[in-house]
Amino acid sequence: MAVPVTVTAAERPARAVSPRHFVRLKLRVLGNNFRGQGWRIALFVGGVLVGLWFAVSGFFGLAAPGLAGESRYALMTAAFGGGLLTFGWMLLPLVFFGVDETLDPARFALLPLSRRTLVTGLFAAALVSVPALSTLLAVAGLVVTAGALGGWFAALVGLLGVLLGVLLCVAAARAVTSAFATMLRSRRVRDLAAVLLAVVAALLGPLQLLVLGAVQQADWDRLTGVARVVGWTPFGAPWTAGVEVAEGHAAAAGLKLLITVAAIGVLLLWWSRSLESAMVGAASAGPSRDRRGAVAGAAVGQLFPRAVGWARRDRFGALVARECRYWWRDARRRANLITVAVVGIFVPLMVNLGGSRMATEGGAAFGEATANASPVLVSLSMLFVGVLASVTLANQFGFDGSAYAANVVAGVPGRVELRARMVAFSLYVVPILGAVALVLAVVLGRPGWLGVMAGGLFAAYGCGLAINAAVSVLGGYSLPETSNPFAMNTGAGMARGLYALVSMVVSAAAAVPLVVAAALLGDVWLWLALPVGLAYGLGAALLGAYLAGDALDRRQPELLAVVTPRR
């Protein structure tokens, strides 16, 4: 008589984890995050509509050369357009939008998952996103171009190329952000990371100058040669494969596809290395030390950094000291400071020196630009830099997350809270703004305009502090609990861009009187700009803290709820 054997759940063979499990998990998490959150649904729909608009525009732009029968323009469009798209996927998450971290890798640190399973699963989940799908729809125009020029086989190769190109874009974004997240989290290499990020971001400007200069010169033979070179790099290889088949170079198309596959493999390997170290760093709190007695007292005494040694030992001073330390030690905040430093110096030089002419005409254009510079143009560029420097505070409570509960429980007055945050942030930003004004005055050869530049900067910055104080109180949103400083929840990238646009427009409008004064008062404004700009910016910041502080007192519980990440 056979004896029935019962198998418990623990004894059953475990099902292998595949990428589809990560995709299903991401979709389920997204669905849970949308429950009862109408504003998140609205932001997600807005992001879908914006992505669809860019996708349709890109589709017709990339399909136009093929429909017009212009093979030379098709090659340049595929190489330059695809290369810029790949480059944008690498850099834009670092300096603006961030990356979707619906599935935070750190939450898988304690699960028995192999590195290959984790990377492939997270990679598959990253492909299920609005940016990836919008990119795929946009670059489908290259398939139309290849098919119109070379028939169905060229279209098939072009389709394979754009699919690999989208995989390359997503892999590049993940690998770069994960690597920089690891670097910025390590205090020993934070200076090196800052320099690397600044250099990479600064390359966008010279690249734009070269492209604009080449287009203005209309040397199409040179552009075609450059396009062919770019087409053999990972930036342009997947996008030009279909065009190569249309031109009768099937072997070249195959080699470009192999180059793309190799680049994807290298990026995924790089991502797996940095991802593993990030997970270990997030799971480990590091060595702890027992600090008691006199040591504990010394630690309390060291709460105030040297930069805020002047602050009173009260609630306001403690808040300033805490925020000052966070802005230096938190990788997410430090990344925003780097962006302000790089863009703040580069944009005024571009505006006042005439970007594309400098690339084509060199020293003659430089001399003419410095001679034709005007206080009004300088004030406009300073206005942009000032409001850009303050836009980081549009979601300042989102940096705290659930830690903001300590301030709510302690009953910190809203005005004190906002003034302390403004002061701590200004300790880092004001020296940067001063350096921007000084560098621009030296480059333009106008030391007498230093007051105009500094006055416009500080006035716009103060207006930005006031506006962003209100925006952060009324429109805060949560950030993912991850060590990656560039991570964003789904829909938060749209919120970040929208809040930045609104705050910059309103802040610029509030600072316009300084530009009008520069246009009407002439040489008199050279002497009045600095004191008036300082008073204007300081008054605007204090008024903003006063008004937004009352709103913060009323909205503390609601603000804590929206900035606390949902698990």
Protein backbone atom coordinates (compact mmCIF):
# COMPACT_ATOMS: atom_id res chain seq x y z
CA MET A 1 0.00 0.00 0.00
CA ALA A 2 1.49 3.29 -1.08
CA VAL A 3 1.80 5.94 1.55
CA PRO A 4 0.90 9.45 0.34
CA VAL A 5 3.71 11.91 0.75
CA THR A 6 2.86 15.50 1.61
CA VAL A 7 5.19 18.26 0.58
CA THR A 8 5.19 21.43 2.63
CA ALA A 9 5.52 24.89 1.09
CA ALA A 10 9.07 25.17 2.40
CA GLU A 11 10.05 21.91 0.68
CA ARG A 12 8.67 22.86 -2.71
CA PRO A 13 11.27 23.90 -5.28
CA ALA A 14 11.54 27.68 -5.50
CA ARG A 15 10.48 29.25 -8.76
CA ALA A 16 13.24 31.11 -10.55
CA VAL A 17 12.97 34.86 -10.40
CA SER A 18 12.79 36.35 -13.89
CA PRO A 19 12.68 39.94 -15.18
CA ARG A 20 8.90 39.74 -15.57
CA HIS A 21 8.58 39.50 -11.78
CA PHE A 22 10.35 42.85 -11.45
CA VAL A 23 8.11 44.38 -14.10
CA ARG A 24 4.97 43.11 -12.38
CA LEU A 25 6.28 44.34 -9.03
CA LYS A 26 6.94 47.80 -10.46
CA LEU A 27 3.46 48.01 -11.97
CA ARG A 28 1.91 46.91 -8.70
CA VAL A 29 3.91 49.47 -6.72
CA LEU A 30 2.89 52.17 -9.17
CA GLY A 31 -0.76 51.19 -8.79
CA ASN A 32 -0.51 51.32 -5.02
CA ASN A 33 1.17 54.72 -5.12
CA PHE A 34 -1.68 56.12 -7.20
CA ARG A 35 -4.41 55.02 -4.80
CA GLY A 36 -5.98 58.04 -3.17
CA GLN A 37 -3.31 60.33 -4.66
CA GLY A 38 -5.10 62.40 -7.27
CA TRP A 39 -2.17 64.78 -7.69
CA ARG A 40 0.15 61.90 -8.53
CA ILE A 41 -2.26 60.62 -11.14
CA ALA A 42 -2.49 64.13 -12.63
CA LEU A 43 1.29 64.47 -12.76
CA PHE A 44 1.64 61.03 -14.34
CA VAL A 45 -0.94 61.87 -17.01
CA GLY A 46 0.80 65.20 -17.60
CA GLY A 47 4.11 63.41 -18.00
CA VAL A 48 2.55 60.99 -20.48
CA LEU A 49 1.14 63.87 -22.55
CA VAL A 50 4.46 65.75 -22.55
CA GLY A 51 6.31 62.57 -23.47
CA LEU A 52 3.83 61.88 -26.26
CA TRP A 53 4.29 65.38 -27.65
CA PHE A 54 8.08 65.03 -27.73
CA ALA A 55 7.77 61.53 -29.17
CA VAL A 56 5.55 62.62 -32.06
CA SER A 57 7.75 65.65 -32.78
CA GLY A 58 10.88 63.49 -32.77
CA PHE A 59 9.25 60.85 -34.96
CA PHE A 60 8.42 63.28 -37.75
CA GLY A 61 11.78 65.02 -37.42
CA LEU A 62 13.71 61.77 -37.81
CA ALA A 63 11.43 60.44 -40.56
CA ALA A 64 11.56 63.63 -42.65
CA PRO A 65 14.92 62.94 -44.43
CA GLY A 66 13.79 59.52 -45.58
CA LEU A 67 10.42 60.76 -46.80
CA ALA A 68 12.24 63.52 -48.69
CA GLY A 69 14.71 61.04 -50.22
CA GLU A 70 17.81 62.78 -48.79
CA SER A 71 20.28 60.06 -47.80
CA ARG A 72 22.99 62.53 -46.72
CA TYR A 73 20.63 64.35 -44.40
CA ALA A 74 19.35 61.00 -43.16
CA LEU A 75 22.84 60.02 -42.05
CA MET A 76 23.44 63.34 -40.27
CA THR A 77 20.04 63.26 -38.62
CA ALA A 78 20.53 59.70 -37.39
CA ALA A 79 24.09 60.26 -36.16
CA PHE A 80 23.68 63.68 -34.54
CA GLY A 81 20.10 63.23 -33.36
CA GLY A 82 20.72 59.77 -31.96
CA GLY A 83 24.04 60.79 -30.44
CA LEU A 84 22.50 63.79 -28.67
CA LEU A 85 19.65 61.57 -27.48
CA THR A 86 22.07 59.08 -25.95
CA PHE A 87 24.15 61.87 -24.45
CA GLY A 88 20.99 63.39 -23.00
CA TRP A 89 19.99 60.10 -21.39
CA MET A 90 23.39 60.03 -19.70
CA LEU A 91 23.46 63.61 -18.40
CA LEU A 92 19.91 64.88 -17.93
CA PRO A 93 19.19 62.52 -15.01
CA LEU A 94 22.28 63.96 -13.30
CA VAL A 95 21.39 67.63 -13.65
CA PHE A 96 17.60 67.82 -13.87
CA PHE A 97 15.08 65.00 -14.03
CA GLY A 98 16.65 62.18 -12.01
CA VAL A 99 15.88 58.51 -12.58
CA ASP A 100 12.80 56.54 -11.65
CA GLU A 101 13.47 54.52 -8.49
CA THR A 102 10.07 52.90 -8.01
CA LEU A 103 12.03 49.72 -7.27
CA ASP A 104 14.81 50.93 -4.98
CA PRO A 105 17.78 48.54 -5.42
CA ALA A 106 18.69 48.90 -1.74
CA ARG A 107 15.48 47.08 -0.76
CA PHE A 108 16.75 43.92 -2.46
CA ALA A 109 20.04 43.89 -0.53
CA LEU A 110 18.99 41.16 1.94
CA LEU A 111 17.21 38.94 -0.59
CA PRO A 112 18.98 35.84 -2.00
CA LEU A 113 19.18 37.22 -5.53
CA SER A 114 22.18 36.89 -7.77
CA ARG A 115 23.74 39.96 -9.28
CA ARG A 116 22.66 38.88 -12.78
CA THR A 117 19.05 38.39 -11.69
CA LEU A 118 18.95 41.74 -9.96
CA VAL A 119 20.50 43.69 -12.83
CA THR A 120 18.37 42.10 -15.55
CA GLY A 121 15.22 42.52 -13.47
CA LEU A 122 15.84 46.15 -12.63
CA PHE A 123 16.85 46.81 -16.22
CA ALA A 124 13.60 45.32 -17.52
CA ALA A 125 11.61 47.37 -15.00
CA ALA A 126 13.45 50.53 -16.06
CA LEU A 127 12.34 49.95 -19.65
CA VAL A 128 8.70 50.11 -18.55
CA SER A 129 8.62 53.89 -18.16
CA VAL A 130 7.27 56.93 -19.96
CA PRO A 131 10.71 58.26 -21.05
CA ALA A 132 11.77 54.89 -22.50
CA LEU A 133 8.52 54.38 -24.39
CA SER A 134 8.53 57.98 -25.64
CA THR A 135 12.09 57.55 -26.86
CA LEU A 136 11.16 54.34 -28.67
CA LEU A 137 8.27 56.05 -30.41
CA ALA A 138 10.43 59.02 -31.42
CA VAL A 139 13.32 56.98 -32.87
CA ALA A 140 10.85 54.85 -34.81
CA GLY A 141 11.12 57.65 -37.35
CA LEU A 142 14.56 56.28 -38.23
CA VAL A 143 12.91 53.00 -39.23
CA VAL A 144 10.67 54.93 -41.62
CA THR A 145 13.71 56.71 -43.03
CA ALA A 146 15.62 53.48 -43.55
CA GLY A 147 12.62 51.80 -45.17
CA ALA A 148 11.96 54.72 -47.51
CA LEU A 149 15.59 54.78 -48.66
CA GLY A 150 16.49 51.09 -48.72
CA GLY A 151 13.38 48.91 -48.59
CA TRP A 152 12.10 46.37 -46.09
CA PHE A 153 15.50 44.89 -45.16
CA ALA A 154 16.92 48.31 -44.29
CA ALA A 155 13.79 48.99 -42.23
CA LEU A 156 14.24 45.67 -40.40
CA VAL A 157 17.87 46.47 -39.57
CA GLY A 158 16.84 49.99 -38.58
CA LEU A 159 14.20 48.55 -36.23
CA LEU A 160 16.79 46.29 -34.61
CA GLY A 161 19.12 49.26 -34.31
CA VAL A 162 16.60 51.53 -32.58
CA LEU A 163 15.60 48.76 -30.18
CA LEU A 164 19.24 48.31 -29.22
CA GLY A 165 19.61 52.08 -29.06
CA VAL A 166 16.82 52.39 -26.50
CA LEU A 167 18.43 49.63 -24.44
CA LEU A 168 21.71 51.53 -24.68
CA CYS A 169 20.09 54.79 -23.49
CA VAL A 170 18.47 53.19 -20.45
CA ALA A 171 21.63 51.23 -19.57
CA ALA A 172 23.74 54.39 -19.86
CA ALA A 173 21.38 56.39 -17.63
CA ARG A 174 21.36 53.71 -14.95
CA ALA A 175 25.09 53.06 -15.03
CA VAL A 176 26.09 56.74 -14.89
CA THR A 177 23.66 57.73 -12.13
CA SER A 178 24.53 54.67 -10.05
CA ALA A 179 28.26 55.34 -10.43
CA PHE A 180 27.93 59.01 -9.47
CA ALA A 181 25.67 58.08 -6.57
CA THR A 182 28.39 55.82 -5.22
CA MET A 183 31.06 58.47 -5.69
CA LEU A 184 29.06 61.26 -4.08
CA ARG A 185 28.19 59.05 -1.11
CA SER A 186 31.88 58.52 -0.34
CA ARG A 187 33.21 61.57 1.46
CA ARG A 188 36.79 60.77 0.45
CA VAL A 189 36.06 61.20 -3.24
CA ARG A 190 33.31 63.81 -3.15
CA ASP A 191 35.66 66.49 -4.46
CA LEU A 192 36.67 64.29 -7.38
CA ALA A 193 33.03 63.51 -8.13
CA ALA A 194 32.17 67.20 -8.07
CA VAL A 195 34.94 68.02 -10.52
CA LEU A 196 33.97 65.18 -12.88
CA LEU A 197 30.32 66.16 -12.85
CA ALA A 198 31.18 69.81 -13.44
CA VAL A 199 33.45 68.93 -16.38
CA VAL A 200 30.91 66.62 -17.98
CA ALA A 201 28.10 69.14 -17.59
CA ALA A 202 30.29 71.94 -18.92
CA LEU A 203 30.96 69.92 -22.10
CA LEU A 204 27.35 70.46 -23.15
CA GLY A 205 28.03 74.12 -23.88
CA PRO A 206 31.13 73.72 -26.06
CA LEU A 207 29.41 70.89 -27.94
CA GLN A 208 26.47 73.16 -28.64
CA LEU A 209 28.82 75.90 -29.83
CA LEU A 210 30.58 73.55 -32.23
CA VAL A 211 27.33 72.26 -33.68
CA LEU A 212 25.87 75.74 -34.14
CA GLY A 213 29.10 76.99 -35.69
CA ALA A 214 29.21 74.09 -38.14
CA VAL A 215 25.57 74.64 -39.13
CA GLN A 216 26.14 78.36 -39.70
CA GLN A 217 29.12 77.68 -41.92
CA ALA A 218 26.96 75.19 -43.89
CA ASP A 219 29.95 72.99 -44.72
CA TRP A 220 27.89 69.91 -45.43
CA ASP A 221 30.85 67.81 -46.48
CA ARG A 222 32.47 68.37 -43.11
CA LEU A 223 29.23 67.62 -41.29
CA THR A 224 28.82 64.42 -43.29
CA GLY A 225 32.34 63.34 -42.35
CA VAL A 226 31.70 64.09 -38.69
CA ALA A 227 28.42 62.19 -38.87
CA ARG A 228 30.19 59.13 -40.24
CA VAL A 229 32.72 59.28 -37.40
CA VAL A 230 29.97 59.64 -34.80
CA GLY A 231 28.15 56.75 -36.44
CA TRP A 232 31.00 54.42 -35.52
CA THR A 233 30.85 55.34 -31.84
CA PRO A 234 28.36 53.81 -29.39
CA PHE A 235 26.53 57.16 -29.42
CA GLY A 236 25.58 56.88 -33.09
CA ALA A 237 26.11 53.23 -34.05
CA PRO A 238 22.59 51.87 -33.36
CA TRP A 239 20.82 54.80 -34.99
CA THR A 240 22.78 54.73 -38.27
CA ALA A 241 22.64 50.97 -38.90
CA GLY A 242 19.50 51.21 -41.05
CA VAL A 243 20.94 54.07 -43.09
CA GLU A 244 24.08 52.02 -43.73
CA VAL A 245 21.98 49.21 -45.22
CA ALA A 246 20.09 51.74 -47.33
CA GLU A 247 23.45 52.94 -48.71
CA GLY A 248 24.51 49.38 -49.52
CA HIS A 249 26.87 48.85 -46.56
CA ALA A 250 25.32 45.80 -44.90
CA ALA A 251 28.62 44.70 -43.33
CA ALA A 252 29.08 48.11 -41.73
CA ALA A 253 25.56 47.90 -40.32
CA GLY A 254 26.36 44.52 -38.75
CA LEU A 255 29.51 45.87 -37.15
CA LYS A 256 27.59 48.83 -35.72
CA LEU A 257 25.04 46.51 -34.18
CA LEU A 258 27.86 44.51 -32.60
CA ILE A 259 29.38 47.74 -31.25
CA THR A 260 26.03 48.59 -29.68
CA VAL A 261 25.63 45.16 -28.10
CA ALA A 262 29.15 45.36 -26.67
CA ALA A 263 28.47 48.86 -25.28
CA ILE A 264 25.27 47.65 -23.60
CA GLY A 265 27.14 44.75 -22.05
CA VAL A 266 29.88 47.01 -20.71
CA LEU A 267 27.33 49.45 -19.26
CA LEU A 268 25.36 46.68 -17.56
CA LEU A 269 28.58 45.27 -16.11
CA TRP A 270 29.53 48.73 -14.84
CA TRP A 271 26.05 49.18 -13.40
CA SER A 272 26.18 45.81 -11.65
CA ARG A 273 29.48 46.72 -9.98
CA SER A 274 28.30 50.11 -8.74
CA LEU A 275 24.86 48.73 -7.87
CA GLU A 276 26.34 46.09 -5.61
CA SER A 277 28.51 48.60 -3.76
CA ALA A 278 25.52 50.94 -3.40
CA MET A 279 23.42 48.15 -1.88
CA VAL A 280 26.17 47.19 0.54
CA GLY A 281 26.62 50.83 1.54
CA ALA A 282 22.90 51.25 2.08
CA ALA A 283 22.57 48.09 4.13
CA SER A 284 25.59 48.77 6.30
CA ALA A 285 25.64 51.62 8.71
CA GLY A 286 29.38 51.34 9.12
CA PRO A 287 31.36 51.04 12.33
CA SER A 288 29.86 52.61 15.40
CA ARG A 289 31.71 54.16 18.26
CA ASP A 290 30.67 54.51 21.82
CA ARG A 291 30.77 58.16 22.69
CA ARG A 292 29.87 58.87 26.28
CA GLY A 293 30.71 61.29 29.00
CA ALA A 294 33.13 63.95 27.90
CA VAL A 295 33.18 62.61 24.35
CA ALA A 296 29.40 63.02 24.10
CA GLY A 297 29.70 66.55 25.39
CA ALA A 298 32.33 67.31 22.78
CA ALA A 299 30.05 65.92 20.08
CA VAL A 300 27.29 68.26 21.18
CA GLY A 301 29.74 71.13 21.12
CA GLN A 302 30.72 70.23 17.57
CA LEU A 303 27.15 70.49 16.31
CA PHE A 304 27.84 73.95 14.94
CA PRO A 305 30.30 73.90 12.02
CA ARG A 306 32.87 76.64 11.72
CA ALA A 307 30.83 78.34 9.01
CA VAL A 308 27.99 78.93 11.50
CA GLY A 309 30.08 79.53 14.58
CA TRP A 310 28.52 82.99 14.74
CA ALA A 311 25.00 81.59 15.21
CA ARG A 312 23.27 81.78 18.56
CA ARG A 313 22.95 78.51 20.50
CA ASP A 314 19.18 78.50 20.24
CA ARG A 315 16.52 76.92 18.06
CA PHE A 316 17.29 79.09 15.04
CA GLY A 317 21.03 78.47 15.30
CA ALA A 318 20.53 74.71 15.69
CA LEU A 319 18.37 74.61 12.57
CA VAL A 320 20.95 76.57 10.59
CA ALA A 321 23.73 74.25 11.76
CA ARG A 322 21.74 71.14 10.88
CA GLU A 323 20.83 72.38 7.40
CA CYS A 324 24.39 73.53 6.81
CA ARG A 325 25.71 70.03 7.52
CA TYR A 326 23.02 68.39 5.41
CA TRP A 327 23.78 70.52 2.38
CA TRP A 328 27.41 69.41 2.50
CA ARG A 329 27.00 65.77 3.49
CA ASP A 330 23.80 64.72 1.71
CA ALA A 331 24.70 63.52 -1.77
CA ARG A 332 21.34 64.57 -3.20
CA ARG A 333 21.72 68.16 -2.00
CA ARG A 334 25.38 68.33 -2.94
CA ALA A 335 24.52 67.33 -6.52
CA ASN A 336 22.18 70.33 -6.75
CA LEU A 337 24.92 72.68 -5.51
CA ILE A 338 27.25 71.40 -8.22
CA THR A 339 24.62 72.11 -10.87
CA VAL A 340 24.18 75.67 -9.63
CA ALA A 341 27.95 76.27 -9.74
CA VAL A 342 28.42 74.94 -13.28
CA VAL A 343 25.34 76.45 -14.94
CA GLY A 344 25.70 79.70 -13.00
CA ILE A 345 29.09 80.42 -14.54
CA PHE A 346 28.53 79.04 -18.03
CA VAL A 347 25.15 80.61 -18.90
CA PRO A 348 26.16 84.27 -18.34
CA LEU A 349 29.26 83.78 -20.47
CA MET A 350 27.17 82.26 -23.26
CA VAL A 351 24.60 85.08 -23.15
CA ASN A 352 27.02 87.99 -22.92
CA LEU A 353 29.71 86.69 -25.28
CA GLY A 354 27.46 85.45 -28.09
CA GLY A 355 27.77 81.66 -28.11
CA SER A 356 27.78 80.54 -31.74
CA ARG A 357 29.84 83.49 -33.02
CA MET A 358 32.55 82.71 -30.49
CA ALA A 359 32.80 79.20 -31.93
CA THR A 360 33.15 80.40 -35.52
CA GLU A 361 34.96 83.74 -35.38
CA GLY A 362 37.18 83.34 -32.32
CA GLY A 363 39.02 86.34 -30.93
CA ALA A 364 37.39 88.94 -33.21
CA ALA A 365 33.95 87.93 -32.01
CA PHE A 366 35.16 87.98 -28.42
CA GLY A 367 36.40 91.55 -28.75
CA GLU A 368 33.18 92.68 -30.41
CA ALA A 369 31.05 90.93 -27.79
CA THR A 370 32.87 92.58 -24.89
CA ALA A 371 32.57 95.96 -26.59
CA ASN A 372 28.83 95.59 -27.24
CA ALA A 373 27.92 94.25 -23.80
CA SER A 374 25.34 96.34 -21.98
CA PRO A 375 24.14 96.59 -18.36
CA VAL A 376 20.65 95.52 -19.45
CA LEU A 377 21.89 92.30 -21.06
CA VAL A 378 24.11 91.61 -18.09
CA SER A 379 21.20 92.19 -15.69
CA LEU A 380 19.03 89.75 -17.66
CA SER A 381 21.65 87.03 -17.50
CA MET A 382 22.15 87.68 -13.78
CA LEU A 383 18.40 87.46 -13.25
CA PHE A 384 18.37 83.98 -14.79
CA VAL A 385 21.29 82.79 -12.66
CA GLY A 386 19.77 84.19 -9.48
CA VAL A 387 16.43 82.46 -9.91
CA LEU A 388 18.16 79.25 -11.02
CA ALA A 389 20.26 79.22 -7.86
CA SER A 390 17.16 79.33 -5.65
CA VAL A 391 15.02 76.81 -7.53
CA THR A 392 16.65 73.95 -5.60
CA LEU A 393 14.54 74.94 -2.59
CA ALA A 394 11.27 74.34 -4.47
CA ASN A 395 11.06 70.96 -2.68
CA GLN A 396 13.32 71.56 0.30
CA PHE A 397 11.12 69.55 2.68
CA GLY A 398 11.24 66.59 0.32
CA PHE A 399 14.94 66.22 1.14
CA ASP A 400 14.00 65.58 4.79
CA GLY A 401 11.25 63.07 4.13
CA SER A 402 9.96 61.41 7.27
CA ALA A 403 12.70 63.12 9.31
CA TYR A 404 10.65 66.32 9.10
CA ALA A 405 8.41 64.76 11.77
CA ALA A 406 10.97 65.84 14.39
CA ASN A 407 10.35 69.50 13.54
CA VAL A 408 6.59 68.96 13.59
CA VAL A 409 6.69 67.30 17.00
CA ALA A 410 8.99 70.00 18.35
CA GLY A 411 6.57 72.68 17.15
CA VAL A 412 9.15 74.73 15.24
CA PRO A 413 7.49 77.97 14.05
CA GLY A 414 7.19 78.14 10.29
CA ARG A 415 8.93 81.51 9.98
CA VAL A 416 11.91 80.31 12.03
CA GLU A 417 12.08 77.12 9.99
CA LEU A 418 12.10 78.90 6.62
CA ARG A 419 14.54 81.63 7.66
CA ALA A 420 16.97 79.04 9.00
CA ARG A 421 16.78 77.01 5.79
CA MET A 422 17.35 80.13 3.70
CA VAL A 423 20.40 81.15 5.74
CA ALA A 424 21.99 77.68 5.61
CA PHE A 425 21.47 77.37 1.86
CA SER A 426 22.78 80.89 1.28
CA LEU A 427 26.03 80.07 3.08
CA TYR A 428 26.90 77.91 0.08
CA VAL A 429 25.15 79.75 -2.75
CA VAL A 430 26.06 83.37 -2.01
CA PRO A 431 29.82 82.75 -2.47
CA ILE A 432 29.02 81.01 -5.75
CA LEU A 433 26.99 84.01 -6.91
CA GLY A 434 29.79 86.35 -5.91
CA ALA A 435 32.25 84.27 -7.93
CA VAL A 436 29.91 84.36 -10.95
CA ALA A 437 29.74 88.17 -10.84
CA LEU A 438 33.51 88.48 -10.41
CA VAL A 439 34.34 86.08 -13.26
CA LEU A 440 31.94 87.78 -15.64
CA ALA A 441 33.28 91.24 -14.78
CA VAL A 442 36.84 90.08 -15.46
CA VAL A 443 35.96 88.29 -18.72
CA LEU A 444 33.99 91.26 -20.06
CA GLY A 445 36.67 93.67 -18.94
CA ARG A 446 34.05 95.73 -17.07
CA PRO A 447 35.10 95.91 -13.41
CA GLY A 448 32.86 98.94 -12.98
CA TRP A 449 29.85 96.75 -13.67
CA LEU A 450 30.54 94.43 -10.76
CA GLY A 451 27.91 96.21 -8.67
CA VAL A 452 25.30 95.80 -11.41
CA MET A 453 26.06 92.10 -11.72
CA ALA A 454 26.11 91.39 -7.99
CA GLY A 455 23.03 93.54 -7.34
CA GLY A 456 21.02 91.78 -10.03
CA LEU A 457 22.15 88.38 -8.81
CA PHE A 458 21.24 88.95 -5.18
CA ALA A 459 17.92 90.62 -6.02
CA ALA A 460 16.84 87.71 -8.22
CA TYR A 461 18.14 85.21 -5.69
CA GLY A 462 16.18 86.81 -2.87
CA CYS A 463 13.00 86.82 -4.95
CA GLY A 464 13.63 83.17 -5.75
CA LEU A 465 14.00 82.33 -2.06
CA ALA A 466 10.64 83.97 -1.35
CA ILE A 467 8.78 82.22 -4.17
CA ASN A 468 10.33 78.81 -3.54
CA ALA A 469 9.51 79.03 0.16
CA ALA A 470 5.84 79.19 -0.78
CA VAL A 471 6.20 76.51 -3.48
CA SER A 472 7.90 74.11 -1.07
CA VAL A 473 5.15 74.53 1.52
CA LEU A 474 2.20 74.28 -0.87
CA GLY A 475 3.58 71.78 -3.39
CA GLY A 476 6.05 69.49 -1.65
CA TYR A 477 6.40 65.89 -2.78
CA SER A 478 8.25 62.83 -1.55
CA LEU A 479 11.61 61.60 -2.77
CA PRO A 480 12.64 57.94 -2.75
CA GLU A 481 14.53 56.66 0.26
CA THR A 482 17.72 55.73 -1.54
CA SER A 483 21.37 56.68 -1.50
CA ASN A 484 21.18 57.58 -5.18
CA PRO A 485 21.07 61.41 -5.29
CA PHE A 486 19.49 61.37 -8.75
CA ALA A 487 16.58 59.01 -8.00
CA MET A 488 12.99 60.19 -8.45
CA ASN A 489 9.64 58.54 -7.89
CA THR A 490 7.45 57.99 -10.92
CA GLY A 491 5.70 61.28 -11.71
CA ALA A 492 8.07 63.26 -9.51
CA GLY A 493 10.24 64.16 -12.50
CA MET A 494 7.24 65.93 -14.02
CA ALA A 495 6.54 67.66 -10.71
CA ARG A 496 10.13 68.75 -10.41
CA GLY A 497 10.16 70.25 -13.89
CA LEU A 498 6.79 71.95 -13.41
CA TYR A 499 7.68 73.46 -10.04
CA ALA A 500 11.03 74.63 -11.38
CA LEU A 501 9.36 76.33 -14.35
CA VAL A 502 6.69 78.04 -12.24
CA SER A 503 9.12 79.24 -9.58
CA MET A 504 11.62 80.56 -12.12
CA VAL A 505 8.97 82.46 -14.09
CA VAL A 506 7.41 84.05 -10.99
CA SER A 507 10.80 84.82 -9.44
CA ALA A 508 12.03 86.40 -12.65
CA ALA A 509 8.87 88.53 -12.85
CA ALA A 510 9.44 89.70 -9.28
CA ALA A 511 13.03 90.72 -10.11
CA VAL A 512 12.21 92.51 -13.38
CA PRO A 513 12.22 96.00 -11.72
CA LEU A 514 16.00 95.69 -11.37
CA VAL A 515 16.34 95.16 -15.14
CA VAL A 516 14.03 98.12 -15.81
CA ALA A 517 16.14 100.30 -13.52
CA ALA A 518 19.29 99.25 -15.39
CA ALA A 519 17.67 100.33 -18.67
CA LEU A 520 16.33 103.69 -17.42
CA LEU A 521 18.90 104.99 -14.95
CA GLY A 522 22.03 104.58 -17.06
CA ASP A 523 25.34 105.29 -15.31
CA VAL A 524 23.60 106.18 -12.05
CA TRP A 525 22.55 102.56 -11.72
CA LEU A 526 26.19 101.47 -11.65
CA TRP A 527 26.43 102.98 -8.16
CA LEU A 528 22.96 102.12 -6.90
CA ALA A 529 22.64 98.55 -8.20
CA LEU A 530 24.52 96.77 -5.41
CA PRO A 531 22.86 98.38 -2.34
CA VAL A 532 19.43 98.42 -3.97
CA GLY A 533 19.80 94.82 -5.15
CA LEU A 534 20.90 93.62 -1.71
CA ALA A 535 18.03 95.44 0.00
CA TYR A 536 15.52 94.24 -2.58
CA GLY A 537 16.59 90.60 -2.34
CA LEU A 538 16.81 90.59 1.46
CA GLY A 539 13.41 92.23 1.78
CA ALA A 540 11.83 89.79 -0.64
CA ALA A 541 13.32 86.79 1.20
CA LEU A 542 12.12 88.02 4.60
CA LEU A 543 8.66 88.78 3.25
CA GLY A 544 8.47 85.35 1.65
CA ALA A 545 9.51 83.64 4.88
CA TYR A 546 6.91 85.68 6.78
CA LEU A 547 4.02 84.81 4.47
CA ALA A 548 5.01 81.21 3.76
CA GLY A 549 5.74 80.67 7.45
CA ASP A 550 2.09 81.22 8.34
CA ALA A 551 1.06 78.71 5.69
CA LEU A 552 3.63 76.24 7.04
CA ASP A 553 2.21 76.51 10.56
CA ARG A 554 -1.18 75.50 9.21
CA ARG A 555 0.06 72.78 6.85
CA GLN A 556 2.71 70.98 8.91
CA PRO A 557 0.80 67.68 9.23
CA GLU A 558 -0.27 67.71 5.57
CA LEU A 559 3.25 68.58 4.43
CA LEU A 560 4.71 65.76 6.52
CA ALA A 561 2.25 63.32 4.92
CA VAL A 562 3.12 64.28 1.34
CA VAL A 563 6.92 64.32 1.81
CA THR A 564 7.01 60.98 3.64
CA PRO A 565 7.83 58.20 1.15
CA ARG A 566 5.17 55.54 0.85
CA ARG A 567 6.49 52.04 1.37
